[in-house]
Amino acid sequence: MQPKKSDHQRSFLCPDLLDQLDPRNHLLGLAKVIPWQVFEDNFRLTCPALFRPVET
């Protein structure tokens, strides 16, 4: 699952994971071109319990 974009304030103590990874890494490049939303949509139909709203 691909992380959702957010407007949260970045912390200098906890840098973003993508900032820590080597951009030349082949697996990182592959992860950027995989259509993750297609997988999420299909798994949502197959395993609806994994995608139910969180109860507060």
Protein backbone atom coordinates (compact mmCIF):
# COMPACT_ATOMS: atom_id res chain seq x y z
CA MET A 1 0.00 0.00 0.00
CA GLN A 2 1.25 3.28 -0.94
CA PRO A 3 1.31 5.96 1.75
CA LYS A 4 -1.20 8.80 1.50
CA LYS A 5 0.13 12.31 0.93
CA SER A 6 -0.48 14.65 3.84
CA ASP A 7 0.31 18.21 4.80
CA HIS A 8 1.74 17.33 8.20
CA GLN A 9 4.68 19.32 9.47
CA ARG A 10 7.99 17.61 8.79
CA SER A 11 10.17 16.93 11.77
CA PHE A 12 13.94 17.26 11.65
CA LEU A 13 14.16 14.49 14.26
CA CYS A 14 12.17 12.02 12.15
CA PRO A 15 13.01 12.53 8.48
CA ASP A 16 10.67 11.09 5.87
CA LEU A 17 11.52 7.51 4.89
CA LEU A 18 11.91 8.44 1.21
CA ASP A 19 14.50 11.05 2.20
CA GLN A 20 16.53 8.32 3.92
CA LEU A 21 16.51 5.87 0.99
CA ASP A 22 18.95 5.88 -1.91
CA PRO A 23 17.05 7.25 -4.95
CA ARG A 24 19.22 5.09 -7.22
CA ASN A 25 17.90 1.89 -5.62
CA HIS A 26 16.19 -0.28 -8.24
CA LEU A 27 13.45 -1.48 -5.90
CA LEU A 28 12.59 2.08 -4.94
CA GLY A 29 12.29 2.96 -8.63
CA LEU A 30 10.08 -0.07 -9.20
CA ALA A 31 7.85 0.86 -6.26
CA LYS A 32 7.27 4.27 -7.83
CA VAL A 33 5.93 2.81 -11.11
CA ILE A 34 3.69 0.06 -9.66
CA PRO A 35 0.01 1.06 -9.81
CA TRP A 36 -0.64 0.49 -6.09
CA GLN A 37 -4.21 1.79 -6.27
CA VAL A 38 -5.16 -1.15 -8.52
CA PHE A 39 -3.95 -3.60 -5.87
CA GLU A 40 -5.74 -1.73 -3.09
CA ASP A 41 -9.01 -1.65 -5.05
CA ASN A 42 -8.86 -5.39 -5.80
CA PHE A 43 -7.92 -6.37 -2.25
CA ARG A 44 -10.69 -4.16 -0.90
CA LEU A 45 -13.15 -6.38 -2.78
CA THR A 46 -11.40 -9.61 -1.76
CA CYS A 47 -10.71 -8.78 1.89
CA PRO A 48 -13.19 -6.10 3.00
CA ALA A 49 -12.36 -6.66 6.69
CA LEU A 50 -8.90 -5.21 6.10
CA PHE A 51 -10.35 -1.97 4.72
CA ARG A 52 -13.22 -1.23 7.07
CA PRO A 53 -13.28 2.20 8.76
CA VAL A 54 -11.59 2.49 12.13
CA GLU A 55 -14.02 2.80 15.01
CA THR A 56 -13.28 5.60 17.45
